[in-house]
Amino acid sequence: MEKIAFKMKLKPGFKDEYKRRHDLIWANLKELLSKNGLQDYTIFFDEETNSLFAVQYQSHGTSSQDLGTNPIVQKWWKYMADIMETNSDSSPVSIPLEKVFHMD
């Protein structure tokens, strides 16, 4: 099991909408993530920079950002594109973060 982290960027003023959409995350998307070995997926928000910091465990070497060819993921990306910084394919701009410290 590997823990990874990455950051994304929310457009200003959309924190509440982002949270609302994730509170209602689609069951088929959750199932897809779980079936692909993703667990304990948490996203944090930095109000000062509008940055989202995601942390997830992956058991199959696949992060949520690697599932972009799946139609469910593509639909979710399009659903979220109006409130996030995205690439031309509607995927969120996602920047991997380097682990520099860990303590159990």
PDB file of N, CA and C in Angstrom:
ATOM      1  N   MET A   1       0.850  -1.180   0.000  1.00  0.00           N
ATOM      2  CA  MET A   1       0.000   0.000   0.000  1.00  0.00           C
ATOM      3  C   MET A   1       0.889   1.234   0.000  1.00  0.00           C
ATOM      4  N   GLU A   2       0.677   2.118  -0.919  1.00  0.00           N
ATOM      5  CA  GLU A   2       1.463   3.341  -1.026  1.00  0.00           C
ATOM      6  C   GLU A   2       0.562   4.552  -0.783  1.00  0.00           C
ATOM      7  N   LYS A   3       1.077   5.514  -0.022  1.00  0.00           N
ATOM      8  CA  LYS A   3       0.354   6.763   0.210  1.00  0.00           C
ATOM      9  C   LYS A   3       0.926   7.821  -0.727  1.00  0.00           C
ATOM     10  N   ILE A   4       0.046   8.470  -1.500  1.00  0.00           N
ATOM     11  CA  ILE A   4       0.493   9.539  -2.386  1.00  0.00           C
ATOM     12  C   ILE A   4      -0.279  10.811  -2.067  1.00  0.00           C
ATOM     13  N   ALA A   5       0.263  11.925  -2.523  1.00  0.00           N
ATOM     14  CA  ALA A   5      -0.402  13.206  -2.338  1.00  0.00           C
ATOM     15  C   ALA A   5      -0.213  14.047  -3.593  1.00  0.00           C
ATOM     16  N   PHE A   6      -1.191  14.891  -3.861  1.00  0.00           N
ATOM     17  CA  PHE A   6      -1.101  15.813  -4.991  1.00  0.00           C
ATOM     18  C   PHE A   6      -1.947  17.032  -4.684  1.00  0.00           C
ATOM     19  N   LYS A   7      -1.703  18.096  -5.442  1.00  0.00           N
ATOM     20  CA  LYS A   7      -2.493  19.297  -5.235  1.00  0.00           C
ATOM     21  C   LYS A   7      -3.217  19.676  -6.513  1.00  0.00           C
ATOM     22  N   MET A   8      -4.334  20.357  -6.316  1.00  0.00           N
ATOM     23  CA  MET A   8      -5.149  20.870  -7.404  1.00  0.00           C
ATOM     24  C   MET A   8      -5.546  22.288  -7.017  1.00  0.00           C
ATOM     25  N   LYS A   9      -6.174  22.995  -7.926  1.00  0.00           N
ATOM     26  CA  LYS A   9      -6.515  24.390  -7.662  1.00  0.00           C
ATOM     27  C   LYS A   9      -8.004  24.606  -7.900  1.00  0.00           C
ATOM     28  N   LEU A  10      -8.656  25.192  -6.902  1.00  0.00           N
ATOM     29  CA  LEU A  10     -10.069  25.537  -6.979  1.00  0.00           C
ATOM     30  C   LEU A  10     -10.186  26.989  -7.429  1.00  0.00           C
ATOM     31  N   LYS A  11     -11.168  27.280  -8.250  1.00  0.00           N
ATOM     32  CA  LYS A  11     -11.417  28.669  -8.631  1.00  0.00           C
ATOM     33  C   LYS A  11     -11.936  29.418  -7.406  1.00  0.00           C
ATOM     34  N   PRO A  12     -11.582  30.690  -7.273  1.00  0.00           N
ATOM     35  CA  PRO A  12     -12.007  31.467  -6.088  1.00  0.00           C
ATOM     36  C   PRO A  12     -13.527  31.457  -5.889  1.00  0.00           C
ATOM     37  N   GLY A  13     -13.933  31.304  -4.631  1.00  0.00           N
ATOM     38  CA  GLY A  13     -15.343  31.365  -4.273  1.00  0.00           C
ATOM     39  C   GLY A  13     -16.129  30.075  -4.416  1.00  0.00           C
ATOM     40  N   PHE A  14     -15.479  28.970  -4.716  1.00  0.00           N
ATOM     41  CA  PHE A  14     -16.195  27.717  -4.971  1.00  0.00           C
ATOM     42  C   PHE A  14     -15.978  26.639  -3.918  1.00  0.00           C
ATOM     43  N   LYS A  15     -15.406  26.991  -2.775  1.00  0.00           N
ATOM     44  CA  LYS A  15     -15.161  25.985  -1.736  1.00  0.00           C
ATOM     45  C   LYS A  15     -16.453  25.276  -1.326  1.00  0.00           C
ATOM     46  N   ASP A  16     -17.501  26.019  -1.037  1.00  0.00           N
ATOM     47  CA  ASP A  16     -18.758  25.402  -0.591  1.00  0.00           C
ATOM     48  C   ASP A  16     -19.355  24.508  -1.663  1.00  0.00           C
ATOM     49  N   GLU A  17     -19.292  24.927  -2.919  1.00  0.00           N
ATOM     50  CA  GLU A  17     -19.821  24.106  -4.013  1.00  0.00           C
ATOM     51  C   GLU A  17     -18.981  22.846  -4.199  1.00  0.00           C
ATOM     52  N   TYR A  18     -17.679  22.971  -4.089  1.00  0.00           N
ATOM     53  CA  TYR A  18     -16.796  21.804  -4.191  1.00  0.00           C
ATOM     54  C   TYR A  18     -17.146  20.790  -3.106  1.00  0.00           C
ATOM     55  N   LYS A  19     -17.286  21.281  -1.883  1.00  0.00           N
ATOM     56  CA  LYS A  19     -17.640  20.401  -0.762  1.00  0.00           C
ATOM     57  C   LYS A  19     -19.001  19.761  -0.991  1.00  0.00           C
ATOM     58  N   ARG A  20     -19.979  20.545  -1.442  1.00  0.00           N
ATOM     59  CA  ARG A  20     -21.334  20.015  -1.689  1.00  0.00           C
ATOM     60  C   ARG A  20     -21.291  18.879  -2.713  1.00  0.00           C
ATOM     61  N   ARG A  21     -20.581  19.088  -3.806  1.00  0.00           N
ATOM     62  CA  ARG A  21     -20.509  18.054  -4.848  1.00  0.00           C
ATOM     63  C   ARG A  21     -19.826  16.794  -4.325  1.00  0.00           C
ATOM     64  N   HIS A  22     -18.826  16.951  -3.503  1.00  0.00           N
ATOM     65  CA  HIS A  22     -18.143  15.776  -2.968  1.00  0.00           C
ATOM     66  C   HIS A  22     -18.955  15.095  -1.859  1.00  0.00           C
ATOM     67  N   ASP A  23     -19.762  15.847  -1.143  1.00  0.00           N
ATOM     68  CA  ASP A  23     -20.664  15.235  -0.166  1.00  0.00           C
ATOM     69  C   ASP A  23     -21.676  14.336  -0.864  1.00  0.00           C
ATOM     70  N   LEU A  24     -21.945  14.628  -2.135  1.00  0.00           N
ATOM     71  CA  LEU A  24     -22.904  13.857  -2.933  1.00  0.00           C
ATOM     72  C   LEU A  24     -22.208  13.032  -4.019  1.00  0.00           C
ATOM     73  N   ILE A  25     -20.952  12.653  -3.776  1.00  0.00           N
ATOM     74  CA  ILE A  25     -20.175  11.935  -4.799  1.00  0.00           C
ATOM     75  C   ILE A  25     -20.962  10.727  -5.304  1.00  0.00           C
ATOM     76  N   TRP A  26     -20.866  10.483  -6.573  1.00  0.00           N
ATOM     77  CA  TRP A  26     -21.620   9.409  -7.215  1.00  0.00           C
ATOM     78  C   TRP A  26     -21.163   8.045  -6.696  1.00  0.00           C
ATOM     79  N   ALA A  27     -22.111   7.186  -6.445  1.00  0.00           N
ATOM     80  CA  ALA A  27     -21.810   5.836  -5.944  1.00  0.00           C
ATOM     81  C   ALA A  27     -20.950   5.057  -6.937  1.00  0.00           C
ATOM     82  N   ASN A  28     -21.237   5.203  -8.239  1.00  0.00           N
ATOM     83  CA  ASN A  28     -20.450   4.444  -9.224  1.00  0.00           C
ATOM     84  C   ASN A  28     -19.007   4.946  -9.307  1.00  0.00           C
ATOM     85  N   LEU A  29     -18.769   6.216  -9.001  1.00  0.00           N
ATOM     86  CA  LEU A  29     -17.407   6.731  -8.966  1.00  0.00           C
ATOM     87  C   LEU A  29     -16.659   6.197  -7.738  1.00  0.00           C
ATOM     88  N   LYS A  30     -17.323   6.196  -6.589  1.00  0.00           N
ATOM     89  CA  LYS A  30     -16.708   5.629  -5.383  1.00  0.00           C
ATOM     90  C   LYS A  30     -16.363   4.152  -5.592  1.00  0.00           C
ATOM     91  N   GLU A  31     -17.271   3.426  -6.216  1.00  0.00           N
ATOM     92  CA  GLU A  31     -17.045   2.002  -6.475  1.00  0.00           C
ATOM     93  C   GLU A  31     -15.854   1.805  -7.415  1.00  0.00           C
ATOM     94  N   LEU A  32     -15.764   2.619  -8.451  1.00  0.00           N
ATOM     95  CA  LEU A  32     -14.654   2.535  -9.395  1.00  0.00           C
ATOM     96  C   LEU A  32     -13.321   2.794  -8.688  1.00  0.00           C
ATOM     97  N   LEU A  33     -13.264   3.813  -7.864  1.00  0.00           N
ATOM     98  CA  LEU A  33     -12.035   4.119  -7.142  1.00  0.00           C
ATOM     99  C   LEU A  33     -11.648   2.970  -6.224  1.00  0.00           C
ATOM    100  N   SER A  34     -12.615   2.444  -5.494  1.00  0.00           N
ATOM    101  CA  SER A  34     -12.346   1.322  -4.586  1.00  0.00           C
ATOM    102  C   SER A  34     -11.863   0.090  -5.337  1.00  0.00           C
ATOM    103  N   LYS A  35     -12.516  -0.233  -6.444  1.00  0.00           N
ATOM    104  CA  LYS A  35     -12.134  -1.419  -7.228  1.00  0.00           C
ATOM    105  C   LYS A  35     -10.732  -1.285  -7.809  1.00  0.00           C
ATOM    106  N   ASN A  36     -10.267  -0.051  -7.946  1.00  0.00           N
ATOM    107  CA  ASN A  36      -8.925   0.184  -8.472  1.00  0.00           C
ATOM    108  C   ASN A  36      -7.897   0.393  -7.366  1.00  0.00           C
ATOM    109  N   GLY A  37      -8.247  -0.023  -6.147  1.00  0.00           N
ATOM    110  CA  GLY A  37      -7.295  -0.053  -5.051  1.00  0.00           C
ATOM    111  C   GLY A  37      -7.093   1.246  -4.303  1.00  0.00           C
ATOM    112  N   LEU A  38      -7.976   2.215  -4.496  1.00  0.00           N
ATOM    113  CA  LEU A  38      -7.847   3.497  -3.796  1.00  0.00           C
ATOM    114  C   LEU A  38      -8.634   3.457  -2.493  1.00  0.00           C
ATOM    115  N   GLN A  39      -7.953   3.870  -1.422  1.00  0.00           N
ATOM    116  CA  GLN A  39      -8.565   3.850  -0.089  1.00  0.00           C
ATOM    117  C   GLN A  39      -8.166   5.109   0.663  1.00  0.00           C
ATOM    118  N   ASP A  40      -8.905   5.404   1.689  1.00  0.00           N
ATOM    119  CA  ASP A  40      -8.582   6.499   2.605  1.00  0.00           C
ATOM    120  C   ASP A  40      -8.206   7.757   1.831  1.00  0.00           C
ATOM    121  N   TYR A  41      -9.082   8.164   0.927  1.00  0.00           N
ATOM    122  CA  TYR A  41      -8.866   9.314   0.045  1.00  0.00           C
ATOM    123  C   TYR A  41      -9.400  10.554   0.756  1.00  0.00           C
ATOM    124  N   THR A  42      -8.526  11.505   1.025  1.00  0.00           N
ATOM    125  CA  THR A  42      -8.897  12.716   1.751  1.00  0.00           C
ATOM    126  C   THR A  42      -8.410  13.924   0.969  1.00  0.00           C
ATOM    127  N   ILE A  43      -9.244  14.964   0.919  1.00  0.00           N
ATOM    128  CA  ILE A  43      -8.866  16.210   0.256  1.00  0.00           C
ATOM    129  C   ILE A  43      -8.983  17.338   1.274  1.00  0.00           C
ATOM    130  N   PHE A  44      -7.923  18.125   1.373  1.00  0.00           N
ATOM    131  CA  PHE A  44      -7.881  19.282   2.268  1.00  0.00           C
ATOM    132  C   PHE A  44      -7.897  20.555   1.430  1.00  0.00           C
ATOM    133  N   PHE A  45      -8.393  21.648   2.026  1.00  0.00           N
ATOM    134  CA  PHE A  45      -8.486  22.929   1.321  1.00  0.00           C
ATOM    135  C   PHE A  45      -7.686  23.998   2.045  1.00  0.00           C
ATOM    136  N   ASP A  46      -6.882  24.750   1.287  1.00  0.00           N
ATOM    137  CA  ASP A  46      -6.142  25.895   1.819  1.00  0.00           C
ATOM    138  C   ASP A  46      -6.840  27.164   1.343  1.00  0.00           C
ATOM    139  N   GLU A  47      -7.550  27.809   2.246  1.00  0.00           N
ATOM    140  CA  GLU A  47      -8.347  28.993   1.945  1.00  0.00           C
ATOM    141  C   GLU A  47      -7.497  30.128   1.356  1.00  0.00           C
ATOM    142  N   GLU A  48      -6.286  30.265   1.839  1.00  0.00           N
ATOM    143  CA  GLU A  48      -5.431  31.372   1.417  1.00  0.00           C
ATOM    144  C   GLU A  48      -5.036  31.290  -0.057  1.00  0.00           C
ATOM    145  N   THR A  49      -4.835  30.067  -0.558  1.00  0.00           N
ATOM    146  CA  THR A  49      -4.360  29.889  -1.936  1.00  0.00           C
ATOM    147  C   THR A  49      -5.385  29.230  -2.862  1.00  0.00           C
ATOM    148  N   ASN A  50      -6.540  28.826  -2.314  1.00  0.00           N
ATOM    149  CA  ASN A  50      -7.554  28.065  -3.063  1.00  0.00           C
ATOM    150  C   ASN A  50      -6.999  26.735  -3.563  1.00  0.00           C
ATOM    151  N   SER A  51      -6.000  26.222  -2.862  1.00  0.00           N
ATOM    152  CA  SER A  51      -5.394  24.947  -3.244  1.00  0.00           C
ATOM    153  C   SER A  51      -6.084  23.786  -2.532  1.00  0.00           C
ATOM    154  N   LEU A  52      -6.228  22.708  -3.250  1.00  0.00           N
ATOM    155  CA  LEU A  52      -6.746  21.454  -2.712  1.00  0.00           C
ATOM    156  C   LEU A  52      -5.559  20.503  -2.583  1.00  0.00           C
ATOM    157  N   PHE A  53      -5.448  19.850  -1.438  1.00  0.00           N
ATOM    158  CA  PHE A  53      -4.374  18.889  -1.201  1.00  0.00           C
ATOM    159  C   PHE A  53      -5.015  17.526  -0.989  1.00  0.00           C
ATOM    160  N   ALA A  54      -4.724  16.594  -1.880  1.00  0.00           N
ATOM    161  CA  ALA A  54      -5.323  15.268  -1.816  1.00  0.00           C
ATOM    162  C   ALA A  54      -4.289  14.253  -1.341  1.00  0.00           C
ATOM    163  N   VAL A  55      -4.749  13.338  -0.494  1.00  0.00           N
ATOM    164  CA  VAL A  55      -3.928  12.236   0.002  1.00  0.00           C
ATOM    165  C   VAL A  55      -4.739  10.963  -0.176  1.00  0.00           C
ATOM    166  N   GLN A  56      -4.111   9.921  -0.696  1.00  0.00           N
ATOM    167  CA  GLN A  56      -4.825   8.654  -0.897  1.00  0.00           C
ATOM    168  C   GLN A  56      -3.856   7.493  -0.797  1.00  0.00           C
ATOM    169  N   TYR A  57      -4.392   6.371  -0.365  1.00  0.00           N
ATOM    170  CA  TYR A  57      -3.649   5.121  -0.385  1.00  0.00           C
ATOM    171  C   TYR A  57      -4.023   4.397  -1.662  1.00  0.00           C
ATOM    172  N   GLN A  58      -3.015   3.803  -2.296  1.00  0.00           N
ATOM    173  CA  GLN A  58      -3.274   3.022  -3.506  1.00  0.00           C
ATOM    174  C   GLN A  58      -2.594   1.668  -3.380  1.00  0.00           C
ATOM    175  N   SER A  59      -3.349   0.634  -3.685  1.00  0.00           N
ATOM    176  CA  SER A  59      -2.779  -0.706  -3.562  1.00  0.00           C
ATOM    177  C   SER A  59      -2.435  -1.322  -4.910  1.00  0.00           C
ATOM    178  N   HIS A  60      -2.903  -0.739  -5.993  1.00  0.00           N
ATOM    179  CA  HIS A  60      -2.609  -1.293  -7.318  1.00  0.00           C
ATOM    180  C   HIS A  60      -1.666  -0.402  -8.114  1.00  0.00           C
ATOM    181  N   GLY A  61      -1.054   0.582  -7.469  1.00  0.00           N
ATOM    182  CA  GLY A  61      -0.157   1.485  -8.175  1.00  0.00           C
ATOM    183  C   GLY A  61      -0.875   2.480  -9.067  1.00  0.00           C
ATOM    184  N   THR A  62      -2.165   2.644  -8.863  1.00  0.00           N
ATOM    185  CA  THR A  62      -2.981   3.548  -9.669  1.00  0.00           C
ATOM    186  C   THR A  62      -3.566   4.628  -8.784  1.00  0.00           C
ATOM    187  N   SER A  63      -3.360   5.880  -9.163  1.00  0.00           N
ATOM    188  CA  SER A  63      -3.998   6.967  -8.418  1.00  0.00           C
ATOM    189  C   SER A  63      -5.315   7.312  -9.097  1.00  0.00           C
ATOM    190  N   SER A  64      -6.130   8.099  -8.430  1.00  0.00           N
ATOM    191  CA  SER A  64      -7.401   8.516  -9.015  1.00  0.00           C
ATOM    192  C   SER A  64      -7.181   9.272 -10.319  1.00  0.00           C
ATOM    193  N   GLN A  65      -6.058   9.947 -10.441  1.00  0.00           N
ATOM    194  CA  GLN A  65      -5.762  10.720 -11.638  1.00  0.00           C
ATOM    195  C   GLN A  65      -5.367   9.840 -12.824  1.00  0.00           C
ATOM    196  N   ASP A  66      -5.096   8.561 -12.579  1.00  0.00           N
ATOM    197  CA  ASP A  66      -4.717   7.633 -13.643  1.00  0.00           C
ATOM    198  C   ASP A  66      -5.920   6.961 -14.308  1.00  0.00           C
ATOM    199  N   LEU A  67      -7.112   7.258 -13.859  1.00  0.00           N
ATOM    200  CA  LEU A  67      -8.309   6.584 -14.374  1.00  0.00           C
ATOM    201  C   LEU A  67      -9.040   7.429 -15.420  1.00  0.00           C
ATOM    202  N   GLY A  68      -8.342   8.347 -16.043  1.00  0.00           N
ATOM    203  CA  GLY A  68      -8.952   9.310 -16.946  1.00  0.00           C
ATOM    204  C   GLY A  68      -9.580   8.760 -18.205  1.00  0.00           C
ATOM    205  N   THR A  69      -9.304   7.519 -18.570  1.00  0.00           N
ATOM    206  CA  THR A  69      -9.939   6.962 -19.761  1.00  0.00           C
ATOM    207  C   THR A  69     -11.307   6.371 -19.446  1.00  0.00           C
ATOM    208  N   ASN A  70     -11.629   6.248 -18.171  1.00  0.00           N
ATOM    209  CA  ASN A  70     -12.919   5.683 -17.777  1.00  0.00           C
ATOM    210  C   ASN A  70     -14.027   6.718 -17.985  1.00  0.00           C
ATOM    211  N   PRO A  71     -15.142   6.330 -18.619  1.00  0.00           N
ATOM    212  CA  PRO A  71     -16.233   7.279 -18.880  1.00  0.00           C
ATOM    213  C   PRO A  71     -16.818   7.919 -17.609  1.00  0.00           C
ATOM    214  N   ILE A  72     -16.829   7.184 -16.503  1.00  0.00           N
ATOM    215  CA  ILE A  72     -17.349   7.755 -15.245  1.00  0.00           C
ATOM    216  C   ILE A  72     -16.442   8.891 -14.790  1.00  0.00           C
ATOM    217  N   VAL A  73     -15.147   8.672 -14.856  1.00  0.00           N
ATOM    218  CA  VAL A  73     -14.177   9.699 -14.452  1.00  0.00           C
ATOM    219  C   VAL A  73     -14.254  10.898 -15.391  1.00  0.00           C
ATOM    220  N   GLN A  74     -14.368  10.637 -16.685  1.00  0.00           N
ATOM    221  CA  GLN A  74     -14.478  11.733 -17.649  1.00  0.00           C
ATOM    222  C   GLN A  74     -15.723  12.574 -17.384  1.00  0.00           C
ATOM    223  N   LYS A  75     -16.819  11.934 -17.054  1.00  0.00           N
ATOM    224  CA  LYS A  75     -18.062  12.653 -16.739  1.00  0.00           C
ATOM    225  C   LYS A  75     -17.885  13.483 -15.457  1.00  0.00           C
ATOM    226  N   TRP A  76     -17.223  12.912 -14.434  1.00  0.00           N
ATOM    227  CA  TRP A  76     -16.970  13.643 -13.182  1.00  0.00           C
ATOM    228  C   TRP A  76     -16.092  14.866 -13.445  1.00  0.00           C
ATOM    229  N   TRP A  77     -15.042  14.672 -14.248  1.00  0.00           N
ATOM    230  CA  TRP A  77     -14.161  15.800 -14.566  1.00  0.00           C
ATOM    231  C   TRP A  77     -14.935  16.927 -15.224  1.00  0.00           C
ATOM    232  N   LYS A  78     -15.794  16.605 -16.169  1.00  0.00           N
ATOM    233  CA  LYS A  78     -16.595  17.641 -16.847  1.00  0.00           C
ATOM    234  C   LYS A  78     -17.540  18.315 -15.862  1.00  0.00           C
ATOM    235  N   TYR A  79     -18.091  17.537 -14.939  1.00  0.00           N
ATOM    236  CA  TYR A  79     -18.988  18.058 -13.903  1.00  0.00           C
ATOM    237  C   TYR A  79     -18.255  19.042 -12.991  1.00  0.00           C
ATOM    238  N   MET A  80     -16.989  18.795 -12.741  1.00  0.00           N
ATOM    239  CA  MET A  80     -16.203  19.634 -11.832  1.00  0.00           C
ATOM    240  C   MET A  80     -15.454  20.765 -12.543  1.00  0.00           C
ATOM    241  N   ALA A  81     -15.373  20.751 -13.851  1.00  0.00           N
ATOM    242  CA  ALA A  81     -14.527  21.674 -14.610  1.00  0.00           C
ATOM    243  C   ALA A  81     -14.888  23.143 -14.423  1.00  0.00           C
ATOM    244  N   ASP A  82     -16.134  23.437 -14.116  1.00  0.00           N
ATOM    245  CA  ASP A  82     -16.525  24.845 -13.986  1.00  0.00           C
ATOM    246  C   ASP A  82     -16.027  25.483 -12.695  1.00  0.00           C
ATOM    247  N   ILE A  83     -15.543  24.679 -11.741  1.00  0.00           N
ATOM    248  CA  ILE A  83     -15.108  25.251 -10.465  1.00  0.00           C
ATOM    249  C   ILE A  83     -13.637  24.981 -10.149  1.00  0.00           C
ATOM    250  N   MET A  84     -12.930  24.317 -11.067  1.00  0.00           N
ATOM    251  CA  MET A  84     -11.520  23.971 -10.838  1.00  0.00           C
ATOM    252  C   MET A  84     -10.671  24.374 -12.032  1.00  0.00           C
ATOM    253  N   GLU A  85      -9.371  24.533 -11.790  1.00  0.00           N
ATOM    254  CA  GLU A  85      -8.446  24.697 -12.897  1.00  0.00           C
ATOM    255  C   GLU A  85      -8.276  23.334 -13.558  1.00  0.00           C
ATOM    256  N   THR A  86      -8.446  23.302 -14.884  1.00  0.00           N
ATOM    257  CA  THR A  86      -8.424  22.029 -15.604  1.00  0.00           C
ATOM    258  C   THR A  86      -7.510  22.091 -16.821  1.00  0.00           C
ATOM    259  N   ASN A  87      -7.181  20.901 -17.304  1.00  0.00           N
ATOM    260  CA  ASN A  87      -6.455  20.741 -18.559  1.00  0.00           C
ATOM    261  C   ASN A  87      -7.469  20.761 -19.702  1.00  0.00           C
ATOM    262  N   SER A  88      -6.987  20.687 -20.921  1.00  0.00           N
ATOM    263  CA  SER A  88      -7.872  20.762 -22.098  1.00  0.00           C
ATOM    264  C   SER A  88      -8.869  19.604 -22.175  1.00  0.00           C
ATOM    265  N   ASP A  89      -8.571  18.477 -21.519  1.00  0.00           N
ATOM    266  CA  ASP A  89      -9.489  17.327 -21.530  1.00  0.00           C
ATOM    267  C   ASP A  89     -10.441  17.341 -20.322  1.00  0.00           C
ATOM    268  N   SER A  90     -10.505  18.457 -19.610  1.00  0.00           N
ATOM    269  CA  SER A  90     -11.346  18.654 -18.410  1.00  0.00           C
ATOM    270  C   SER A  90     -10.774  17.991 -17.162  1.00  0.00           C
ATOM    271  N   SER A  91      -9.659  17.289 -17.264  1.00  0.00           N
ATOM    272  CA  SER A  91      -9.055  16.710 -16.064  1.00  0.00           C
ATOM    273  C   SER A  91      -8.514  17.845 -15.197  1.00  0.00           C
ATOM    274  N   PRO A  92      -8.569  17.666 -13.878  1.00  0.00           N
ATOM    275  CA  PRO A  92      -8.034  18.724 -13.028  1.00  0.00           C
ATOM    276  C   PRO A  92      -6.513  18.835 -13.191  1.00  0.00           C
ATOM    277  N   VAL A  93      -6.020  20.056 -13.162  1.00  0.00           N
ATOM    278  CA  VAL A  93      -4.577  20.241 -13.118  1.00  0.00           C
ATOM    279  C   VAL A  93      -4.135  19.637 -11.789  1.00  0.00           C
ATOM    280  N   SER A  94      -3.319  18.619 -11.852  1.00  0.00           N
ATOM    281  CA  SER A  94      -2.919  17.855 -10.671  1.00  0.00           C
ATOM    282  C   SER A  94      -1.398  17.785 -10.615  1.00  0.00           C
ATOM    283  N   ILE A  95      -0.844  18.243  -9.504  1.00  0.00           N
ATOM    284  CA  ILE A  95       0.602  18.293  -9.349  1.00  0.00           C
ATOM    285  C   ILE A  95       1.004  17.354  -8.211  1.00  0.00           C
ATOM    286  N   PRO A  96       1.793  16.313  -8.511  1.00  0.00           N
ATOM    287  CA  PRO A  96       2.228  15.394  -7.457  1.00  0.00           C
ATOM    288  C   PRO A  96       3.054  16.135  -6.407  1.00  0.00           C
ATOM    289  N   LEU A  97       2.905  15.714  -5.167  1.00  0.00           N
ATOM    290  CA  LEU A  97       3.675  16.291  -4.074  1.00  0.00           C
ATOM    291  C   LEU A  97       4.713  15.279  -3.591  1.00  0.00           C
ATOM    292  N   GLU A  98       5.888  15.762  -3.305  1.00  0.00           N
ATOM    293  CA  GLU A  98       6.974  14.917  -2.833  1.00  0.00           C
ATOM    294  C   GLU A  98       6.897  14.771  -1.314  1.00  0.00           C
ATOM    295  N   LYS A  99       6.971  13.531  -0.846  1.00  0.00           N
ATOM    296  CA  LYS A  99       6.994  13.284   0.579  1.00  0.00           C
ATOM    297  C   LYS A  99       8.372  13.637   1.118  1.00  0.00           C
ATOM    298  N   VAL A 100       8.403  14.502   2.121  1.00  0.00           N
ATOM    299  CA  VAL A 100       9.677  14.893   2.719  1.00  0.00           C
ATOM    300  C   VAL A 100       9.767  14.511   4.191  1.00  0.00           C
ATOM    301  N   PHE A 101       8.658  14.004   4.764  1.00  0.00           N
ATOM    302  CA  PHE A 101       8.668  13.576   6.165  1.00  0.00           C
ATOM    303  C   PHE A 101       7.490  12.649   6.395  1.00  0.00           C
ATOM    304  N   HIS A 102       7.697  11.652   7.229  1.00  0.00           N
ATOM    305  CA  HIS A 102       6.624  10.750   7.643  1.00  0.00           C
ATOM    306  C   HIS A 102       6.904  10.290   9.073  1.00  0.00           C
ATOM    307  N   MET A 103       5.854  10.208   9.864  1.00  0.00           N
ATOM    308  CA  MET A 103       5.972   9.693  11.227  1.00  0.00           C
ATOM    309  C   MET A 103       4.773   8.811  11.508  1.00  0.00           C
ATOM    310  N   ASP A 104       5.016   7.613  12.003  1.00  0.00           N
ATOM    311  CA  ASP A 104       3.922   6.711  12.418  1.00  0.00           C
ATOM    312  C   ASP A 104       3.594   6.966  13.863  1.00  0.00           C
TER     313      ASP A 104
END
